[in-house]
Amino acid sequence: MEHIAYSGSAPVAGRYDVVVCGGGPGGFIAAVAAARAGARTALIEKYGFLGGMATAGLVMPISVFNYNGEQVIGGIPWEFAKRLEAMGGALIEQPLNNVAFDPELYKLCAQRMALEAGVDLYMHSRLIGCGVREGRLQHVVIHNKNGAEALGGTVFVEATGDGDLAHMAGVPMLPAPADLQPMSFIFCLDGVDTESPLLQAMHHNRQGVNCHCGPVREKLLMLRELPSFGGPWFCTLLRPGCIAVNMTRAAADACDNRAATRAECGMREDIFVLAAVLRDNFPEFKNCRVCATAPQAGVRETRRIRGVHVITGAEYLQAYRYPDSVSRGAHPIDIHGNRSGDQDLRFLEEPAYVPYRALIAGGFSNLIVASRCLSADREAFASLRVQASVMGIGQAAGTAAALSDGDLHRMDVDMLQKRLRELGAVI
């Protein structure tokens, strides 16, 4: 491949105690946690709104806050869920306390919490580079309508989901599987008979049950020449007649621009084919139409850092309690086949634990993860990648970043755990 040389400079737009890269479920929670702990905090987001996969990918519901009748994720993430509910933007469904939500009110609630905490927002800003010296990040470089800008920081929080900052900084990554879990392009339908018993599958309120719509799946499997699909999983949008649909899928590496582009173009075609199939085969969908598609396809699996500790599936399934536990996870291990509708789904007996050491990498003293790119093997990752788990990880990462002296490897874990418990975290 031909290469060209280019160079440039970027003005320093700000210097911060904590710089969070990515405003998804883990990133905005991390920023709120850091700012509330007294750190001068910046939050960088490529879109003009917060929420990441929740709002840019329309991935719903937020799961799982409760398990076996006990709260698993608490503190700032649960505060967010309750505030969203009070705004009329959430339906909290027991016993799992999974949260169906209105994406527009999610954006507003997340924005309010960040601004109330004093976070400086850098929206419409894409991360394009970073400066590293002797294992310490010095700055990140972003690009927006102002051009290239740099933000300096004492501690940096990796919350891009795909591990973009860690990758740019040279953090070692765990080997990527050859069969990455597929991307899915979620779409919204209106004109649906949401009062039908068939559509009660849009409520994700049963522990130990795959909440896909079984009758629809069974009939679709009998039809020929359908696009590849999974589920389908339906979710209420809190308005009569409206649902979000998760069923498209495409095998692609979301970190490869051309592969991701081809996958999204293909799935956009599939959305309208599948909507027509639903309309033609189920009376509940006879008047439906596609009223919205996600700004981007949802991403299940890309990069994961090789941290000081790698959470294994065996540890996760045994609910091993680490001495440096800072968060938990309760979603089933959920591995989707990338070229079929297959799904490896294993429910946990007990909620699992997340150690602090899985959020930091050896040789990088001021970088901590607050997203799904934490250090976990494929099994453990396949549970921890979901929103409530990521929010809990974000709360831990943002709090640690604020409490740190600048060297995350010297963190007083007892102090961190004490602070997390004060916030309401379950660790």
Protein backbone atom coordinates (compact mmCIF):
# COMPACT_ATOMS: atom_id res chain seq x y z
CA MET A 1 0.00 0.00 0.00
CA GLU A 2 1.29 3.44 -0.90
CA HIS A 3 1.93 5.78 2.03
CA ILE A 4 2.19 9.56 2.15
CA ALA A 5 3.85 11.69 4.83
CA TYR A 6 1.86 14.32 6.64
CA SER A 7 2.42 16.43 9.73
CA GLY A 8 0.73 19.15 11.68
CA SER A 9 0.25 20.72 15.07
CA ALA A 10 -2.74 20.98 17.38
CA PRO A 11 -3.45 23.69 19.94
CA VAL A 12 -3.99 22.47 23.48
CA ALA A 13 -7.67 23.09 24.09
CA GLY A 14 -7.52 22.09 27.75
CA ARG A 15 -5.67 20.26 30.49
CA TYR A 16 -7.55 17.97 32.83
CA ASP A 17 -7.18 15.63 35.75
CA VAL A 18 -9.21 13.02 33.87
CA VAL A 19 -9.88 12.72 30.14
CA VAL A 20 -12.57 10.21 29.16
CA CYS A 21 -12.56 9.08 25.54
CA GLY A 22 -16.03 7.88 24.56
CA GLY A 23 -19.46 8.90 25.86
CA GLY A 24 -21.22 5.53 25.81
CA PRO A 25 -22.76 3.81 28.86
CA GLY A 26 -19.37 3.30 30.52
CA GLY A 27 -17.85 6.59 29.41
CA PHE A 28 -20.49 9.02 30.57
CA ILE A 29 -20.84 7.18 33.89
CA ALA A 30 -17.04 7.29 34.30
CA ALA A 31 -17.00 11.03 33.59
CA VAL A 32 -19.79 11.71 36.09
CA ALA A 33 -18.03 9.58 38.73
CA ALA A 34 -14.70 11.35 38.20
CA ALA A 35 -16.18 14.85 38.22
CA ARG A 36 -18.27 14.19 41.32
CA ALA A 37 -15.09 13.01 43.06
CA GLY A 38 -13.56 16.42 42.43
CA ALA A 39 -11.51 15.77 39.28
CA ARG A 40 -11.49 18.31 36.45
CA THR A 41 -12.93 16.07 33.77
CA ALA A 42 -13.29 16.15 29.98
CA LEU A 43 -15.49 13.79 27.97
CA ILE A 44 -14.84 13.27 24.25
CA GLU A 45 -17.64 11.89 22.05
CA LYS A 46 -17.71 11.40 18.28
CA TYR A 47 -21.47 11.95 18.03
CA GLY A 48 -23.45 15.00 19.13
CA PHE A 49 -25.08 13.02 21.95
CA LEU A 50 -24.15 10.59 24.69
CA GLY A 51 -25.14 6.96 25.10
CA GLY A 52 -22.96 5.07 22.63
CA MET A 53 -24.45 1.72 21.69
CA ALA A 54 -27.63 2.59 23.62
CA THR A 55 -28.46 5.65 21.54
CA ALA A 56 -26.22 5.39 18.46
CA GLY A 57 -26.86 1.67 18.14
CA LEU A 58 -30.38 1.53 19.67
CA VAL A 59 -29.22 -1.45 21.72
CA MET A 60 -31.85 -2.12 24.36
CA PRO A 61 -32.77 -2.88 27.08
CA ILE A 62 -30.12 -1.93 29.63
CA SER A 63 -29.41 -5.24 31.33
CA VAL A 64 -28.89 -6.64 34.03
CA PHE A 65 -29.24 -4.65 37.30
CA ASN A 66 -30.71 -7.40 39.51
CA TYR A 67 -30.12 -11.14 39.73
CA ASN A 68 -31.49 -13.81 42.03
CA GLY A 69 -33.59 -11.12 43.67
CA GLU A 70 -30.60 -8.95 44.64
CA GLN A 71 -29.12 -5.79 43.17
CA VAL A 72 -25.93 -6.38 41.19
CA ILE A 73 -25.20 -2.94 39.70
CA GLY A 74 -25.84 0.09 41.91
CA GLY A 75 -24.64 3.62 42.51
CA ILE A 76 -24.50 6.13 39.65
CA PRO A 77 -25.74 3.64 36.99
CA TRP A 78 -28.86 2.89 39.04
CA GLU A 79 -29.32 6.61 39.74
CA PHE A 80 -29.32 7.15 35.98
CA ALA A 81 -31.98 4.46 35.50
CA LYS A 82 -34.20 5.96 38.18
CA ARG A 83 -33.77 9.52 36.86
CA LEU A 84 -34.62 8.32 33.38
CA GLU A 85 -37.71 6.60 34.75
CA ALA A 86 -38.78 9.83 36.53
CA MET A 87 -38.48 11.67 33.20
CA GLY A 88 -40.87 9.19 31.60
CA GLY A 89 -38.02 7.70 29.59
CA ALA A 90 -37.63 4.27 31.16
CA LEU A 91 -39.60 1.17 32.03
CA ILE A 92 -37.81 -0.78 34.78
CA GLU A 93 -38.92 -4.39 34.56
CA GLN A 94 -38.61 -6.73 37.50
CA PRO A 95 -37.20 -9.10 38.57
CA LEU A 96 -34.03 -8.34 36.57
CA ASN A 97 -34.62 -4.57 36.62
CA ASN A 98 -33.80 -4.51 32.93
CA VAL A 99 -34.47 -1.03 31.60
CA ALA A 100 -36.39 -0.39 28.38
CA PHE A 101 -35.90 3.23 27.39
CA ASP A 102 -36.72 6.10 25.10
CA PRO A 103 -33.41 6.81 23.26
CA GLU A 104 -34.05 10.56 23.05
CA LEU A 105 -34.66 10.90 26.79
CA TYR A 106 -31.64 8.67 27.45
CA LYS A 107 -29.53 11.23 25.57
CA LEU A 108 -31.02 14.08 27.58
CA CYS A 109 -30.66 12.40 30.97
CA ALA A 110 -27.03 11.40 30.33
CA GLN A 111 -26.22 14.93 29.14
CA ARG A 112 -27.85 16.49 32.20
CA MET A 113 -25.93 14.26 34.61
CA ALA A 114 -22.61 15.02 32.92
CA LEU A 115 -23.16 18.78 32.83
CA GLU A 116 -24.50 18.90 36.39
CA ALA A 117 -21.32 17.17 37.55
CA GLY A 118 -19.20 19.83 35.82
CA VAL A 119 -17.88 17.66 32.97
CA ASP A 120 -16.51 19.55 29.94
CA LEU A 121 -18.06 17.99 26.83
CA TYR A 122 -16.22 17.76 23.51
CA MET A 123 -18.95 16.53 21.18
CA HIS A 124 -18.67 15.87 17.45
CA SER A 125 -15.00 15.14 18.17
CA ARG A 126 -13.22 12.09 16.82
CA LEU A 127 -10.11 10.70 18.47
CA ILE A 128 -7.29 10.72 15.92
CA GLY A 129 -4.13 10.27 17.97
CA CYS A 130 -2.34 10.37 21.28
CA GLY A 131 1.05 11.10 22.74
CA VAL A 132 2.78 8.49 24.92
CA ARG A 133 6.07 8.87 26.78
CA GLU A 134 7.57 6.02 28.82
CA GLY A 135 4.24 4.27 29.30
CA ARG A 136 2.29 7.41 30.17
CA LEU A 137 -0.23 9.11 27.95
CA GLN A 138 0.51 12.82 27.75
CA HIS A 139 -2.34 13.96 25.55
CA VAL A 140 -4.97 12.89 23.05
CA VAL A 141 -5.63 14.56 19.72
CA ILE A 142 -9.18 15.05 18.51
CA HIS A 143 -10.63 16.49 15.32
CA ASN A 144 -13.81 18.53 15.03
CA LYS A 145 -15.04 21.68 13.28
CA ASN A 146 -12.29 23.62 15.07
CA GLY A 147 -9.70 21.40 13.38
CA ALA A 148 -7.20 19.31 15.30
CA GLU A 149 -7.06 19.95 19.05
CA ALA A 150 -5.13 18.36 21.89
CA LEU A 151 -6.29 17.64 25.44
CA GLY A 152 -3.71 17.03 28.14
CA GLY A 153 -4.49 14.84 31.11
CA THR A 154 -3.17 13.21 34.26
CA VAL A 155 -5.28 10.05 33.80
CA PHE A 156 -7.03 8.84 30.65
CA VAL A 157 -10.11 6.64 30.54
CA GLU A 158 -10.57 4.29 27.59
CA ALA A 159 -14.31 4.21 26.93
CA THR A 160 -14.44 3.91 23.13
CA GLY A 161 -15.81 0.37 23.26
CA ASP A 162 -13.54 -0.75 20.43
CA GLY A 163 -10.39 0.09 22.38
CA ASP A 164 -9.37 2.84 19.95
CA LEU A 165 -7.35 4.84 22.49
CA ALA A 166 -5.62 1.77 23.91
CA HIS A 167 -4.82 0.58 20.39
CA MET A 168 -3.35 3.97 19.43
CA ALA A 169 -1.29 4.01 22.61
CA GLY A 170 0.18 0.57 21.89
CA VAL A 171 -1.50 -1.35 24.71
CA PRO A 172 -1.16 -5.12 24.08
CA MET A 173 -4.40 -6.73 22.96
CA LEU A 174 -5.77 -10.22 23.51
CA PRO A 175 -5.94 -12.30 20.33
CA ALA A 176 -9.11 -11.63 18.36
CA PRO A 177 -11.13 -14.73 17.51
CA ALA A 178 -11.41 -15.59 13.82
CA ASP A 179 -15.19 -15.67 14.19
CA LEU A 180 -15.97 -12.33 15.79
CA GLN A 181 -19.55 -12.05 16.93
CA PRO A 182 -21.70 -10.39 14.24
CA MET A 183 -22.78 -6.81 14.03
CA SER A 184 -26.54 -6.10 14.12
CA PHE A 185 -28.34 -3.08 12.67
CA ILE A 186 -31.29 -2.32 14.92
CA PHE A 187 -34.38 -0.69 13.48
CA CYS A 188 -37.65 0.67 14.78
CA LEU A 189 -41.14 -0.17 13.56
CA ASP A 190 -44.38 1.68 14.14
CA GLY A 191 -47.88 0.49 13.30
CA VAL A 192 -47.33 -2.72 15.29
CA ASP A 193 -50.10 -4.31 17.36
CA THR A 194 -48.19 -4.12 20.62
CA GLU A 195 -51.26 -5.30 22.57
CA SER A 196 -51.04 -8.75 20.98
CA PRO A 197 -49.81 -11.58 23.27
CA LEU A 198 -47.16 -12.28 20.63
CA LEU A 199 -45.54 -8.91 21.33
CA GLN A 200 -45.19 -9.51 25.05
CA ALA A 201 -41.74 -10.75 24.07
CA MET A 202 -40.82 -7.05 23.96
CA HIS A 203 -40.66 -7.16 27.78
CA HIS A 204 -37.34 -8.59 28.96
CA ASN A 205 -38.48 -9.55 32.43
CA ARG A 206 -37.82 -13.25 32.89
CA GLN A 207 -34.65 -14.58 34.51
CA GLY A 208 -33.17 -17.65 32.88
CA VAL A 209 -35.12 -17.20 29.63
CA ASN A 210 -33.93 -16.11 26.21
CA CYS A 211 -36.29 -13.23 25.50
CA HIS A 212 -36.37 -13.66 21.74
CA CYS A 213 -39.83 -14.06 20.19
CA GLY A 214 -40.04 -17.83 19.79
CA PRO A 215 -43.18 -18.07 17.60
CA VAL A 216 -41.86 -15.51 15.12
CA ARG A 217 -38.48 -17.25 15.01
CA GLU A 218 -40.04 -20.65 14.37
CA LYS A 219 -42.06 -19.39 11.42
CA LEU A 220 -39.17 -17.43 9.93
CA LEU A 221 -36.96 -20.52 10.03
CA MET A 222 -39.49 -22.27 7.77
CA LEU A 223 -39.31 -19.54 5.14
CA ARG A 224 -36.77 -19.67 2.34
CA GLU A 225 -34.29 -17.13 1.03
CA LEU A 226 -34.34 -14.84 4.04
CA PRO A 227 -31.35 -12.68 4.94
CA SER A 228 -29.28 -14.00 7.82
CA PHE A 229 -31.07 -13.17 11.07
CA GLY A 230 -30.92 -13.76 14.78
CA GLY A 231 -33.59 -13.75 17.44
CA PRO A 232 -35.67 -11.77 16.72
CA TRP A 233 -35.55 -9.69 19.88
CA PHE A 234 -38.17 -6.98 20.25
CA CYS A 235 -38.08 -4.16 22.77
CA THR A 236 -40.73 -1.62 23.71
CA LEU A 237 -40.06 2.02 22.89
CA LEU A 238 -42.57 3.06 25.58
CA ARG A 239 -45.16 4.13 23.02
CA PRO A 240 -48.12 2.07 21.78
CA GLY A 241 -47.45 0.57 18.36
CA CYS A 242 -43.68 1.14 18.41
CA ILE A 243 -40.90 -1.40 18.93
CA ALA A 244 -37.17 -1.74 18.35
CA VAL A 245 -36.13 -4.85 16.43
CA ASN A 246 -32.82 -6.66 16.81
CA MET A 247 -32.56 -9.38 14.15
CA THR A 248 -30.19 -8.36 11.32
CA ARG A 249 -26.66 -9.67 11.47
CA ALA A 250 -23.48 -9.52 9.43
CA ALA A 251 -20.05 -11.02 9.95
CA ALA A 252 -17.59 -8.15 9.90
CA ASP A 253 -14.74 -6.63 11.89
CA ALA A 254 -16.16 -3.30 13.08
CA CYS A 255 -12.59 -1.99 13.40
CA ASP A 256 -12.09 -2.37 9.62
CA ASN A 257 -13.71 0.62 7.92
CA ARG A 258 -14.39 -1.04 4.61
CA ALA A 259 -15.69 -4.27 6.15
CA ALA A 260 -17.99 -2.35 8.50
CA THR A 261 -19.25 -0.17 5.63
CA ARG A 262 -20.10 -3.21 3.51
CA ALA A 263 -21.83 -4.84 6.47
CA GLU A 264 -23.96 -1.78 7.22
CA CYS A 265 -24.95 -1.33 3.58
CA GLY A 266 -25.99 -4.97 3.38
CA MET A 267 -27.93 -4.87 6.62
CA ARG A 268 -29.73 -1.68 5.61
CA GLU A 269 -31.11 -3.62 2.65
CA ASP A 270 -31.96 -6.53 4.98
CA ILE A 271 -33.91 -4.25 7.33
CA PHE A 272 -36.52 -3.49 4.69
CA VAL A 273 -36.66 -7.09 3.48
CA LEU A 274 -37.21 -8.37 7.02
CA ALA A 275 -39.78 -5.68 7.80
CA ALA A 276 -41.73 -6.76 4.71
CA VAL A 277 -41.48 -10.42 5.78
CA LEU A 278 -42.90 -9.55 9.20
CA ARG A 279 -45.65 -7.49 7.57
CA ASP A 280 -46.61 -10.30 5.18
CA ASN A 281 -46.56 -13.18 7.66
CA PHE A 282 -47.85 -11.89 11.00
CA PRO A 283 -51.10 -9.99 11.53
CA GLU A 284 -49.50 -8.02 14.38
CA PHE A 285 -47.17 -6.44 11.79
CA LYS A 286 -49.59 -5.96 8.86
CA ASN A 287 -49.54 -2.16 9.22
CA CYS A 288 -45.92 -1.74 10.27
CA ARG A 289 -43.31 0.45 8.64
CA VAL A 290 -39.67 1.20 9.32
CA CYS A 291 -39.75 4.55 11.13
CA ALA A 292 -36.10 4.76 12.19
CA THR A 293 -32.78 2.97 11.93
CA ALA A 294 -29.87 3.28 14.32
CA PRO A 295 -27.19 5.85 13.41
CA GLN A 296 -24.77 2.92 13.28
CA ALA A 297 -24.85 -0.85 13.50
CA GLY A 298 -24.49 -2.36 16.92
CA VAL A 299 -21.11 -3.92 17.69
CA ARG A 300 -20.77 -6.97 19.92
CA GLU A 301 -17.08 -7.82 19.78
CA THR A 302 -13.84 -6.17 18.68
CA ARG A 303 -10.65 -5.43 20.65
CA ARG A 304 -9.92 -6.35 24.28
CA ILE A 305 -6.83 -5.24 26.18
CA ARG A 306 -4.41 -7.68 27.76
CA GLY A 307 -4.63 -6.38 31.30
CA VAL A 308 -2.77 -7.10 34.49
CA HIS A 309 -5.36 -9.85 34.96
CA VAL A 310 -7.45 -11.60 32.31
CA ILE A 311 -10.88 -12.61 33.61
CA THR A 312 -11.48 -16.21 32.57
CA GLY A 313 -14.76 -17.89 31.82
CA ALA A 314 -14.06 -20.41 34.60
CA GLU A 315 -13.61 -17.61 37.15
CA TYR A 316 -16.69 -15.87 35.84
CA LEU A 317 -18.97 -18.90 35.93
CA GLN A 318 -17.78 -19.78 39.44
CA ALA A 319 -18.49 -16.20 40.62
CA TYR A 320 -14.93 -16.04 41.95
CA ARG A 321 -14.65 -13.03 44.25
CA TYR A 322 -11.37 -11.22 43.68
CA PRO A 323 -9.74 -9.27 46.51
CA ASP A 324 -9.75 -6.22 44.20
CA SER A 325 -13.34 -6.60 42.98
CA VAL A 326 -14.79 -3.27 41.80
CA SER A 327 -17.92 -4.27 39.89
CA ARG A 328 -20.09 -7.22 38.89
CA GLY A 329 -21.89 -8.84 35.97
CA ALA A 330 -25.04 -10.93 35.71
CA HIS A 331 -25.93 -11.15 32.03
CA PRO A 332 -25.72 -14.66 30.56
CA ILE A 333 -22.66 -15.63 28.58
CA ASP A 334 -24.01 -14.78 25.15
CA ILE A 335 -21.97 -15.68 22.05
CA HIS A 336 -23.68 -15.14 18.69
CA GLY A 337 -22.62 -17.14 15.63
CA ASN A 338 -21.26 -14.76 13.04
CA ARG A 339 -22.64 -16.49 9.93
CA SER A 340 -25.87 -17.98 11.22
CA GLY A 341 -28.61 -17.43 13.75
CA ASP A 342 -26.83 -19.69 16.24
CA GLN A 343 -26.41 -18.49 19.81
CA ASP A 344 -24.42 -19.97 22.71
CA LEU A 345 -26.39 -18.75 25.74
CA ARG A 346 -25.45 -19.83 29.26
CA PHE A 347 -27.12 -18.36 32.32
CA LEU A 348 -25.15 -17.70 35.50
CA GLU A 349 -25.94 -19.39 38.79
CA GLU A 350 -24.58 -16.41 40.71
CA PRO A 351 -23.55 -12.89 39.66
CA ALA A 352 -19.87 -12.66 38.75
CA TYR A 353 -17.15 -10.18 39.78
CA VAL A 354 -14.81 -7.81 37.96
CA PRO A 355 -11.33 -7.14 39.38
CA TYR A 356 -9.63 -3.76 39.19
CA ARG A 357 -6.61 -5.44 37.56
CA ALA A 358 -8.71 -6.24 34.47
CA LEU A 359 -9.14 -2.51 33.81
CA ILE A 360 -5.44 -1.61 33.66
CA ALA A 361 -2.55 -2.86 31.53
CA GLY A 362 1.05 -3.48 32.51
CA GLY A 363 3.41 -0.75 31.37
CA PHE A 364 0.67 1.88 31.06
CA SER A 365 0.39 3.72 34.33
CA ASN A 366 -2.32 6.29 33.60
CA LEU A 367 -4.78 4.49 31.33
CA ILE A 368 -7.87 2.66 32.63
CA VAL A 369 -10.72 0.96 30.77
CA ALA A 370 -14.38 1.89 31.21
CA SER A 371 -15.95 -0.09 28.39
CA ARG A 372 -16.33 -3.55 26.89
CA CYS A 373 -12.67 -3.67 25.82
CA LEU A 374 -11.62 -4.72 29.33
CA SER A 375 -9.27 -7.66 29.90
CA ALA A 376 -11.44 -10.79 29.71
CA ASP A 377 -11.40 -14.00 27.74
CA ARG A 378 -14.11 -14.64 25.20
CA GLU A 379 -16.52 -16.35 27.60
CA ALA A 380 -16.36 -13.73 30.35
CA PHE A 381 -16.40 -10.92 27.79
CA ALA A 382 -19.59 -12.34 26.24
CA SER A 383 -21.42 -11.46 29.46
CA LEU A 384 -19.60 -8.29 30.50
CA ARG A 385 -20.08 -6.49 27.15
CA VAL A 386 -23.67 -5.43 27.98
CA GLN A 387 -24.74 -2.01 29.23
CA ALA A 388 -25.39 -2.39 32.97
CA SER A 389 -22.10 -4.29 33.39
CA VAL A 390 -20.26 -1.63 31.40
CA MET A 391 -21.86 1.12 33.50
CA GLY A 392 -20.58 -0.57 36.66
CA ILE A 393 -17.10 -0.82 35.13
CA GLY A 394 -17.31 2.85 34.14
CA GLN A 395 -18.22 3.86 37.69
CA ALA A 396 -15.17 1.99 38.99
CA ALA A 397 -12.84 3.39 36.33
CA GLY A 398 -13.95 7.00 36.73
CA THR A 399 -13.71 6.82 40.52
CA ALA A 400 -10.25 5.25 40.33
CA ALA A 401 -9.09 7.90 37.86
CA ALA A 402 -10.17 10.67 40.22
CA LEU A 403 -8.64 9.07 43.33
CA SER A 404 -5.38 8.19 41.62
CA ASP A 405 -2.12 10.04 42.16
CA GLY A 406 -1.53 9.64 38.44
CA ASP A 407 -0.21 6.09 38.67
CA LEU A 408 -3.09 3.63 38.50
CA HIS A 409 -0.78 0.75 39.38
CA ARG A 410 -0.26 2.29 42.81
CA MET A 411 -3.99 2.57 43.49
CA ASP A 412 -5.08 2.06 47.10
CA VAL A 413 -7.69 -0.57 46.23
CA ASP A 414 -9.14 -0.58 49.75
CA MET A 415 -9.79 3.16 49.46
CA LEU A 416 -11.29 2.69 46.00
CA GLN A 417 -13.61 -0.06 47.20
CA LYS A 418 -14.67 2.06 50.17
CA ARG A 419 -15.54 4.95 47.89
CA LEU A 420 -17.46 2.67 45.50
CA ARG A 421 -19.51 1.25 48.36
CA GLU A 422 -20.30 4.80 49.48
CA LEU A 423 -21.63 5.46 45.98
CA GLY A 424 -23.86 2.40 46.23
CA ALA A 425 -21.82 0.00 44.12
CA VAL A 426 -22.21 -3.72 44.79
CA ILE A 427 -18.72 -5.19 44.76
